[in-house]
Amino acid sequence: MEQRITINGWRKLQWRDEFLGWDKETYDGIDSLEVSPDKIWLPDIKLYENIDKDFQSEDAVNALVTNDGMVTWYTPMVISSSCKINVRYFPFDVQTCTLTFGSWAYTIDSLNLNYSDDATQNVFLNNGVWDLRKIHLERITAKYDCCPFPYSSVKIDLFLERRYEFYLFNMVVPCVMLSAINALVFLVPPESGEKISFSVANLLASILFQQLIGELMPPLGDEIPLLGMFFLYMVGMSCVALGASVLILRMFHRLGEEPVPRYLKRIFLRRASVSLSFKRASVAIKKTRTNRLSSNGDDGYRRGSNLSSTIIKENANDTNSKMADESSYPLHPKNDVNSTSKLSIHRQGFGDDYESESSTLKREVIRQEWMTVARKLDKTLGALVAGSTLLVITLIFILFVFRG
């Protein structure tokens, strides 16, 4: 931004020159004349804040001289003045540009400058970006070291208000909507698989929007616009949402090998949550056990049936052999040892299954606890991001409203 203002207007100067008066009765009643400005004395009224390379450009317009020596000089002018811009409240800012007109050579004892209140805006053309809200005039007397007498000047303050409709619908509203999307990231369930992609898409959209809007914002280093600070906050919250999503998914997909730390249990887990995790783990174990029995139940049943039939057959054969022959034959100890070993093997298998299910249940409880912690942390961070975003928006709105 150039920090300059260009003004097209008319300037009216009036002064009394005692050497230009005449008696109109002597000259057939002529009471006024138009005189070329190079034929009479002109005050050297200049703009102190002028930054035009030609210093000041004025067209050669005749001056109106009346018989009492009053000279009136209307001149069209195109002047460029320096105007310091404060962009802190952009695009709802009001700028004050100061124009100081005064004599360059004559002190107050030779030229006393005053202003009139008859300035009008009858042919005022509105600017597409700025609205002229108020004009304030003030007479100033300043003394410099160069001269014994002070100089008089007239200071004109122009209060310009920026038209914010374009920036409101193209910058502010989309920015607020993108900041609200940061809170929506935490509403995506961790098991959906879309949490990271949603966070990355929102972060890229925020960065791209900031790059596009940065070209429309005034590049001034004196003040940082509040809107630019909000853009920075928006990108920061997008980064926080992405990092939080990674952390939540890492917790949610834990395998149950490492237990939840105590401080996380104190914050996010209670007895109800623990019992709920245990119930979920028990349901998962029962489903696993049911699937295992449905797949291996037929084989176990066959092994048990064969073992029972073998024992019954052996006992029946022994009884029949006793009744048919008087000589007694002992029972076969080898078959009894085999039966006992088979039973012990089955008992050991049931014990291993119990230990395996107990270990699986423990891991499942830990996994459910991690999932509960991840869900509650997701909701907590979502509430914090939404609350902080609402607080920042409210604070910036208050600063804009009461900007003075």
Protein backbone atom coordinates (compact mmCIF):
# COMPACT_ATOMS: atom_id res chain seq x y z
CA MET A 1 0.00 0.00 0.00
CA GLU A 2 1.33 3.43 -1.05
CA GLN A 3 -0.23 5.34 1.88
CA ARG A 4 -1.16 8.27 -0.24
CA ILE A 5 -4.38 10.04 -1.11
CA THR A 6 -5.14 11.82 -4.38
CA ILE A 7 -7.73 14.59 -4.30
CA ASN A 8 -9.51 16.22 -7.18
CA GLY A 9 -11.33 19.39 -6.20
CA TRP A 10 -11.72 23.12 -6.27
CA ARG A 11 -9.84 25.53 -4.10
CA LYS A 12 -11.23 28.95 -3.28
CA LEU A 13 -8.88 31.70 -2.10
CA GLN A 14 -9.98 35.18 -1.13
CA TRP A 15 -7.83 38.10 -0.05
CA ARG A 16 -7.89 41.88 -0.18
CA ASP A 17 -5.37 43.79 -2.21
CA GLU A 18 -5.44 47.54 -1.50
CA PHE A 19 -3.69 48.31 -4.76
CA LEU A 20 -6.44 46.75 -6.90
CA GLY A 21 -9.43 48.90 -5.81
CA TRP A 22 -11.12 51.57 -7.96
CA ASP A 23 -14.11 53.83 -8.04
CA LYS A 24 -16.72 52.14 -10.18
CA GLU A 25 -18.47 55.46 -10.85
CA THR A 26 -15.37 56.68 -12.58
CA TYR A 27 -15.30 53.62 -14.86
CA ASP A 28 -18.92 53.56 -16.00
CA GLY A 29 -20.14 51.42 -13.07
CA ILE A 30 -17.74 48.51 -13.60
CA ASP A 31 -17.49 46.80 -10.27
CA SER A 32 -15.57 43.60 -11.16
CA LEU A 33 -12.95 42.32 -13.53
CA GLU A 34 -11.42 39.01 -14.48
CA VAL A 35 -7.68 39.23 -14.37
CA SER A 36 -5.00 36.77 -15.37
CA PRO A 37 -3.24 35.42 -12.27
CA ASP A 38 0.17 36.33 -13.68
CA LYS A 39 -0.82 40.02 -13.62
CA ILE A 40 -1.56 40.27 -9.90
CA TRP A 41 -0.04 39.20 -6.62
CA LEU A 42 -0.93 35.66 -5.52
CA PRO A 43 -0.47 34.10 -2.09
CA ASP A 44 1.87 31.12 -2.08
CA ILE A 45 -0.50 28.67 -0.37
CA LYS A 46 0.99 25.19 -0.60
CA LEU A 47 0.14 21.73 0.70
CA TYR A 48 2.73 20.71 3.27
CA GLU A 49 2.07 16.96 2.86
CA ASN A 50 2.25 17.08 -0.91
CA ILE A 51 4.15 14.12 -2.46
CA ASP A 52 3.55 14.94 -6.11
CA LYS A 53 6.76 15.26 -8.10
CA ASP A 54 5.43 18.52 -9.59
CA PHE A 55 4.85 19.71 -6.02
CA GLN A 56 1.46 21.13 -6.94
CA SER A 57 -0.32 21.46 -10.24
CA GLU A 58 -2.82 24.23 -10.91
CA ASP A 59 -4.43 25.31 -14.11
CA ALA A 60 -4.17 28.94 -15.14
CA VAL A 61 -7.59 30.27 -14.16
CA ASN A 62 -8.43 33.97 -14.11
CA ALA A 63 -9.05 35.66 -10.80
CA LEU A 64 -12.14 37.74 -10.07
CA VAL A 65 -11.32 41.24 -8.74
CA THR A 66 -13.96 43.59 -7.38
CA ASN A 67 -13.74 47.37 -7.09
CA ASP A 68 -13.11 47.21 -3.31
CA GLY A 69 -9.88 45.27 -3.90
CA MET A 70 -11.29 41.83 -2.98
CA VAL A 71 -9.74 39.07 -5.08
CA THR A 72 -11.48 35.69 -5.46
CA TRP A 73 -9.58 32.88 -7.12
CA TYR A 74 -11.15 29.51 -7.88
CA THR A 75 -8.62 26.93 -9.03
CA PRO A 76 -9.15 23.25 -9.85
CA MET A 77 -6.48 21.17 -8.20
CA VAL A 78 -5.16 17.63 -8.32
CA ILE A 79 -3.01 16.99 -5.29
CA SER A 80 -1.42 13.89 -3.83
CA SER A 81 -0.83 13.83 -0.11
CA SER A 82 0.78 11.36 2.24
CA CYS A 83 -1.71 9.56 4.48
CA LYS A 84 -0.56 7.12 7.13
CA ILE A 85 -2.76 4.05 7.20
CA ASN A 86 -3.60 1.99 10.27
CA VAL A 87 -4.79 -1.46 9.18
CA ARG A 88 -5.38 -2.96 12.63
CA TYR A 89 -9.15 -3.07 12.09
CA PHE A 90 -9.07 -3.92 8.39
CA PRO A 91 -11.52 -4.18 6.62
CA PHE A 92 -13.71 -2.25 9.10
CA ASP A 93 -11.20 0.55 9.49
CA VAL A 94 -11.63 4.32 9.47
CA GLN A 95 -8.63 6.32 8.28
CA THR A 96 -7.80 9.95 8.98
CA CYS A 97 -5.89 11.85 6.33
CA THR A 98 -4.55 15.30 7.21
CA LEU A 99 -4.08 18.11 4.68
CA THR A 100 -2.21 21.20 5.87
CA PHE A 101 -2.32 24.32 3.71
CA GLY A 102 -0.16 27.31 4.50
CA SER A 103 2.11 29.98 3.14
CA TRP A 104 5.61 28.96 2.23
CA ALA A 105 7.27 32.38 2.60
CA TYR A 106 5.00 34.83 4.44
CA THR A 107 4.72 34.90 8.18
CA ILE A 108 1.61 35.85 10.11
CA ASP A 109 2.49 39.57 10.11
CA SER A 110 2.29 39.56 6.29
CA LEU A 111 -0.33 36.86 5.62
CA ASN A 112 -2.86 35.70 8.17
CA LEU A 113 -4.58 32.58 6.93
CA ASN A 114 -8.11 31.62 7.96
CA TYR A 115 -10.77 29.19 6.74
CA SER A 116 -14.45 29.52 5.88
CA ASP A 117 -17.32 27.13 6.61
CA ASP A 118 -18.99 27.28 3.20
CA ALA A 119 -17.27 24.20 1.79
CA THR A 120 -19.77 21.95 -0.04
CA GLN A 121 -19.89 18.52 -1.64
CA ASN A 122 -22.42 19.31 -4.34
CA VAL A 123 -20.41 17.59 -7.05
CA PHE A 124 -18.78 15.06 -4.79
CA LEU A 125 -18.15 11.68 -6.45
CA ASN A 126 -18.16 8.66 -4.16
CA ASN A 127 -15.16 6.39 -4.24
CA GLY A 128 -15.62 2.66 -4.79
CA VAL A 129 -13.56 1.76 -1.73
CA TRP A 130 -13.88 4.71 0.67
CA ASP A 131 -16.70 6.85 2.02
CA LEU A 132 -16.05 10.40 3.25
CA ARG A 133 -17.68 10.51 6.66
CA LYS A 134 -16.57 13.85 8.10
CA ILE A 135 -14.32 16.85 7.51
CA HIS A 136 -12.73 18.81 10.33
CA LEU A 137 -10.97 22.16 9.83
CA GLU A 138 -8.63 23.86 12.25
CA ARG A 139 -6.44 26.96 12.14
CA ILE A 140 -2.90 26.39 13.43
CA THR A 141 -0.19 28.87 14.34
CA ALA A 142 3.34 27.50 14.46
CA LYS A 143 6.63 29.21 15.16
CA TYR A 144 9.89 28.03 13.62
CA ASP A 145 13.48 28.86 14.46
CA CYS A 146 14.06 30.48 11.11
CA CYS A 147 11.77 33.42 11.56
CA PRO A 148 10.80 35.84 14.35
CA PHE A 149 7.08 35.62 13.60
CA PRO A 150 4.94 32.47 13.47
CA TYR A 151 3.27 30.99 10.41
CA SER A 152 -0.45 30.45 10.11
CA SER A 153 -1.90 27.40 8.39
CA VAL A 154 -5.17 25.54 8.01
CA LYS A 155 -5.35 21.82 8.81
CA ILE A 156 -8.07 19.73 7.19
CA ASP A 157 -8.80 16.23 8.59
CA LEU A 158 -10.59 13.85 6.25
CA PHE A 159 -12.26 10.87 7.94
CA LEU A 160 -12.53 8.02 5.45
CA GLU A 161 -14.39 4.78 6.17
CA ARG A 162 -13.67 1.69 4.11
CA ARG A 163 -16.54 -0.06 2.37
CA TYR A 164 -16.40 -3.53 3.87
CA GLU A 165 -19.13 -5.38 1.94
CA PHE A 166 -16.70 -6.94 -0.55
CA TYR A 167 -14.30 -8.06 2.17
CA LEU A 168 -17.12 -9.29 4.40
CA PHE A 169 -18.50 -11.77 1.88
CA ASN A 170 -15.19 -12.77 0.32
CA MET A 171 -12.88 -12.87 3.35
CA VAL A 172 -14.58 -12.74 6.73
CA VAL A 173 -17.50 -15.14 6.22
CA PRO A 174 -15.42 -17.90 4.51
CA CYS A 175 -12.78 -17.54 7.22
CA VAL A 176 -15.36 -18.02 9.99
CA MET A 177 -16.81 -21.04 8.19
CA LEU A 178 -13.37 -22.66 7.82
CA SER A 179 -12.66 -22.09 11.48
CA ALA A 180 -15.95 -23.80 12.37
CA ILE A 181 -14.93 -26.84 10.30
CA ASN A 182 -11.98 -27.34 12.68
CA ALA A 183 -14.47 -28.29 15.38
CA LEU A 184 -16.33 -30.62 13.00
CA VAL A 185 -13.17 -32.72 12.62
CA PHE A 186 -13.71 -34.05 16.14
CA LEU A 187 -17.24 -35.18 15.29
CA VAL A 188 -15.92 -37.74 12.80
CA PRO A 189 -15.82 -41.17 14.58
CA PRO A 190 -12.32 -42.67 14.90
CA GLU A 191 -13.49 -45.99 13.44
CA SER A 192 -14.72 -44.34 10.24
CA GLY A 193 -11.22 -44.06 8.76
CA GLU A 194 -11.87 -40.54 7.39
CA LYS A 195 -10.61 -38.48 10.30
CA ILE A 196 -7.07 -37.89 9.00
CA SER A 197 -8.16 -37.16 5.43
CA PHE A 198 -10.75 -34.67 6.65
CA SER A 199 -8.17 -32.92 8.86
CA VAL A 200 -5.58 -32.73 6.06
CA ALA A 201 -8.17 -31.39 3.60
CA ASN A 202 -9.23 -28.69 6.07
CA LEU A 203 -5.60 -27.71 6.75
CA LEU A 204 -4.81 -27.41 3.04
CA ALA A 205 -7.96 -25.37 2.47
CA SER A 206 -7.02 -22.99 5.30
CA ILE A 207 -3.47 -22.50 3.98
CA LEU A 208 -4.68 -21.94 0.41
CA PHE A 209 -7.32 -19.48 1.57
CA GLN A 210 -4.75 -17.56 3.60
CA GLN A 211 -2.44 -17.32 0.58
CA LEU A 212 -5.23 -15.98 -1.62
CA ILE A 213 -6.47 -13.49 0.96
CA GLY A 214 -2.95 -12.31 1.76
CA GLU A 215 -2.81 -10.61 -1.63
CA LEU A 216 -5.87 -8.49 -0.76
CA MET A 217 -4.64 -7.38 2.64
CA PRO A 218 -2.49 -4.24 2.90
CA PRO A 219 1.19 -5.22 3.39
CA LEU A 220 2.03 -2.81 6.19
CA GLY A 221 4.39 -3.64 9.02
CA ASP A 222 3.32 -0.96 11.50
CA GLU A 223 0.21 -2.81 12.65
CA ILE A 224 -0.91 -6.43 12.30
CA PRO A 225 -4.56 -6.65 11.22
CA LEU A 226 -6.87 -8.47 13.58
CA LEU A 227 -8.20 -10.39 10.61
CA GLY A 228 -4.67 -11.57 9.80
CA MET A 229 -4.28 -12.75 13.39
CA PHE A 230 -7.52 -14.68 13.04
CA PHE A 231 -6.21 -16.28 9.83
CA LEU A 232 -3.12 -17.37 11.73
CA TYR A 233 -5.29 -18.77 14.52
CA MET A 234 -7.39 -20.65 11.97
CA VAL A 235 -4.34 -22.33 10.41
CA GLY A 236 -2.97 -23.10 13.88
CA MET A 237 -6.24 -24.75 14.91
CA SER A 238 -6.17 -26.81 11.71
CA CYS A 239 -2.71 -28.06 12.66
CA VAL A 240 -3.92 -28.82 16.19
CA ALA A 241 -6.91 -30.74 14.80
CA LEU A 242 -4.63 -32.79 12.55
CA GLY A 243 -2.20 -33.60 15.39
CA ALA A 244 -5.07 -34.46 17.74
CA SER A 245 -6.58 -36.77 15.11
CA VAL A 246 -3.30 -38.65 14.81
CA LEU A 247 -3.06 -39.00 18.60
CA ILE A 248 -6.67 -40.13 18.95
CA LEU A 249 -6.36 -42.75 16.22
CA ARG A 250 -3.15 -44.05 17.76
CA MET A 251 -4.97 -44.53 21.07
CA PHE A 252 -8.06 -45.98 19.45
CA HIS A 253 -6.18 -48.71 17.58
CA ARG A 254 -4.04 -49.94 20.47
CA LEU A 255 -3.65 -53.74 20.65
CA GLY A 256 -4.10 -53.93 24.41
CA GLU A 257 -0.52 -54.86 25.24
CA GLU A 258 0.19 -51.69 27.22
CA PRO A 259 -2.28 -50.58 29.91
CA VAL A 260 -3.77 -47.11 30.14
CA PRO A 261 -1.67 -44.80 32.37
CA ARG A 262 -3.13 -43.90 35.73
CA TYR A 263 -3.47 -40.19 35.01
CA LEU A 264 -5.54 -40.95 31.91
CA LYS A 265 -7.71 -43.32 33.91
CA ARG A 266 -8.30 -40.66 36.54
CA ILE A 267 -9.28 -38.10 33.91
CA PHE A 268 -11.24 -40.15 31.38
CA LEU A 269 -12.12 -43.48 33.01
CA ARG A 270 -14.51 -44.09 35.86
CA ARG A 271 -16.07 -47.18 37.34
CA ALA A 272 -18.92 -47.08 34.90
CA SER A 273 -16.49 -46.81 32.01
CA VAL A 274 -14.38 -49.68 33.36
CA SER A 275 -17.41 -51.94 33.83
CA LEU A 276 -18.62 -51.01 30.37
CA SER A 277 -15.21 -51.90 28.93
CA PHE A 278 -15.31 -55.22 30.82
CA LYS A 279 -18.77 -56.01 29.46
CA ARG A 280 -17.64 -55.20 25.93
CA ALA A 281 -14.59 -57.40 26.37
CA SER A 282 -16.70 -60.25 27.77
CA VAL A 283 -19.08 -60.02 24.83
CA ALA A 284 -16.13 -60.13 22.46
CA ILE A 285 -14.65 -63.17 24.28
CA LYS A 286 -18.02 -64.99 24.20
CA LYS A 287 -18.29 -64.39 20.48
CA THR A 288 -14.77 -65.76 20.04
CA ARG A 289 -15.53 -68.78 22.20
CA THR A 290 -18.76 -69.47 20.32
CA ASN A 291 -16.96 -69.32 17.00
CA ARG A 292 -14.27 -71.65 18.32
CA LEU A 293 -16.79 -74.18 19.63
CA SER A 294 -18.80 -74.07 16.43
CA SER A 295 -15.71 -74.85 14.41
CA ASN A 296 -14.09 -77.43 16.76
CA GLY A 297 -17.10 -78.87 18.59
CA ASP A 298 -17.61 -81.87 16.28
CA ASP A 299 -14.03 -83.06 16.66
CA GLY A 300 -14.14 -82.83 20.46
CA TYR A 301 -17.39 -84.70 20.56
CA ARG A 302 -15.92 -87.50 18.46
CA ARG A 303 -12.85 -87.74 20.67
CA GLY A 304 -14.98 -87.96 23.82
CA SER A 305 -17.32 -90.56 22.29
CA ASN A 306 -14.49 -92.75 21.10
CA LEU A 307 -12.84 -92.61 24.51
CA SER A 308 -16.05 -93.62 26.31
CA SER A 309 -16.86 -96.45 23.91
CA THR A 310 -13.36 -97.84 24.27
CA ILE A 311 -13.63 -97.97 28.06
CA ILE A 312 -17.10 -99.61 27.92
CA LYS A 313 -15.91 -102.17 25.39
CA GLU A 314 -12.92 -103.08 27.47
CA ASN A 315 -15.05 -103.59 30.60
CA ALA A 316 -17.58 -105.72 28.70
CA ASN A 317 -14.93 -107.98 27.24
CA ASP A 318 -13.37 -108.50 30.65
CA THR A 319 -16.71 -109.53 32.20
CA ASN A 320 -17.52 -111.96 29.41
CA SER A 321 -14.10 -113.57 29.62
CA LYS A 322 -14.60 -114.17 33.39
CA MET A 323 -17.92 -115.92 32.88
CA ALA A 324 -16.68 -118.11 29.99
CA ASP A 325 -13.43 -119.22 31.55
CA GLU A 326 -12.77 -120.03 35.18
CA SER A 327 -9.25 -118.76 34.97
CA SER A 328 -9.18 -115.09 35.70
CA TYR A 329 -7.42 -112.73 33.39
CA PRO A 330 -6.25 -109.39 34.77
CA LEU A 331 -7.39 -106.11 33.28
CA HIS A 332 -5.12 -104.58 30.70
CA PRO A 333 -3.14 -101.89 32.57
CA LYS A 334 -1.87 -100.53 29.27
CA ASN A 335 -5.36 -99.52 28.16
CA ASP A 336 -6.05 -97.90 31.57
CA VAL A 337 -2.86 -95.82 31.30
CA ASN A 338 -3.81 -94.68 27.82
CA SER A 339 -7.28 -93.66 28.98
CA THR A 340 -5.88 -91.73 31.94
CA SER A 341 -3.32 -89.94 29.78
CA LYS A 342 -6.02 -88.98 27.30
CA LEU A 343 -8.12 -87.52 30.09
CA SER A 344 -5.16 -85.59 31.47
CA ILE A 345 -4.41 -84.26 28.00
CA HIS A 346 -7.97 -83.02 27.68
CA ARG A 347 -7.79 -81.41 31.11
CA GLN A 348 -4.53 -79.72 30.19
CA GLY A 349 -6.11 -78.51 26.95
CA PHE A 350 -9.03 -77.03 28.84
CA GLY A 351 -6.57 -75.33 31.23
CA ASP A 352 -4.61 -73.84 28.34
CA ASP A 353 -7.83 -72.63 26.76
CA TYR A 354 -8.79 -70.99 30.05
CA GLU A 355 -5.45 -69.23 30.37
CA SER A 356 -5.62 -68.14 26.73
CA GLU A 357 -9.14 -66.79 27.17
CA SER A 358 -8.12 -65.00 30.36
CA SER A 359 -5.18 -63.37 28.61
CA THR A 360 -7.38 -62.45 25.67
CA LEU A 361 -9.98 -61.02 28.02
CA LYS A 362 -7.34 -58.89 29.73
CA ARG A 363 -6.03 -57.56 26.43
CA GLU A 364 -9.57 -56.90 25.26
CA VAL A 365 -10.36 -54.94 28.44
CA ILE A 366 -7.22 -52.83 27.97
CA ARG A 367 -8.08 -52.27 24.31
CA GLN A 368 -11.61 -51.21 25.21
CA GLU A 369 -10.19 -48.81 27.81
CA TRP A 370 -7.93 -47.23 25.19
CA MET A 371 -10.90 -46.89 22.85
CA THR A 372 -12.93 -45.23 25.61
CA VAL A 373 -10.08 -42.83 26.39
CA ALA A 374 -9.73 -41.99 22.68
CA ARG A 375 -13.45 -41.27 22.31
CA LYS A 376 -13.61 -39.08 25.42
CA LEU A 377 -10.41 -37.26 24.46
CA ASP A 378 -11.91 -36.67 21.01
CA LYS A 379 -15.02 -35.09 22.51
CA THR A 380 -13.00 -33.05 24.99
CA LEU A 381 -10.67 -31.62 22.36
CA GLY A 382 -13.62 -30.91 20.07
CA ALA A 383 -15.34 -28.95 22.83
CA LEU A 384 -12.12 -27.04 23.58
CA VAL A 385 -11.53 -26.15 19.92
CA ALA A 386 -15.16 -25.08 19.44
CA GLY A 387 -15.11 -23.03 22.64
CA SER A 388 -11.80 -21.34 21.86
CA THR A 389 -12.93 -20.55 18.30
CA LEU A 390 -16.17 -19.04 19.57
CA LEU A 391 -14.25 -17.05 22.18
CA VAL A 392 -11.76 -15.69 19.62
CA ILE A 393 -14.55 -14.74 17.20
CA THR A 394 -16.45 -12.98 19.99
CA LEU A 395 -13.34 -11.13 21.15
CA ILE A 396 -12.48 -9.93 17.64
CA PHE A 397 -16.09 -8.88 17.08
CA ILE A 398 -16.03 -6.82 20.29
CA LEU A 399 -12.76 -5.18 19.26
CA PHE A 400 -14.24 -4.27 15.88
CA VAL A 401 -17.43 -2.87 17.40
CA PHE A 402 -15.68 -0.80 20.09
CA ARG A 403 -12.74 0.28 17.95
CA GLY A 404 -13.49 3.90 18.80
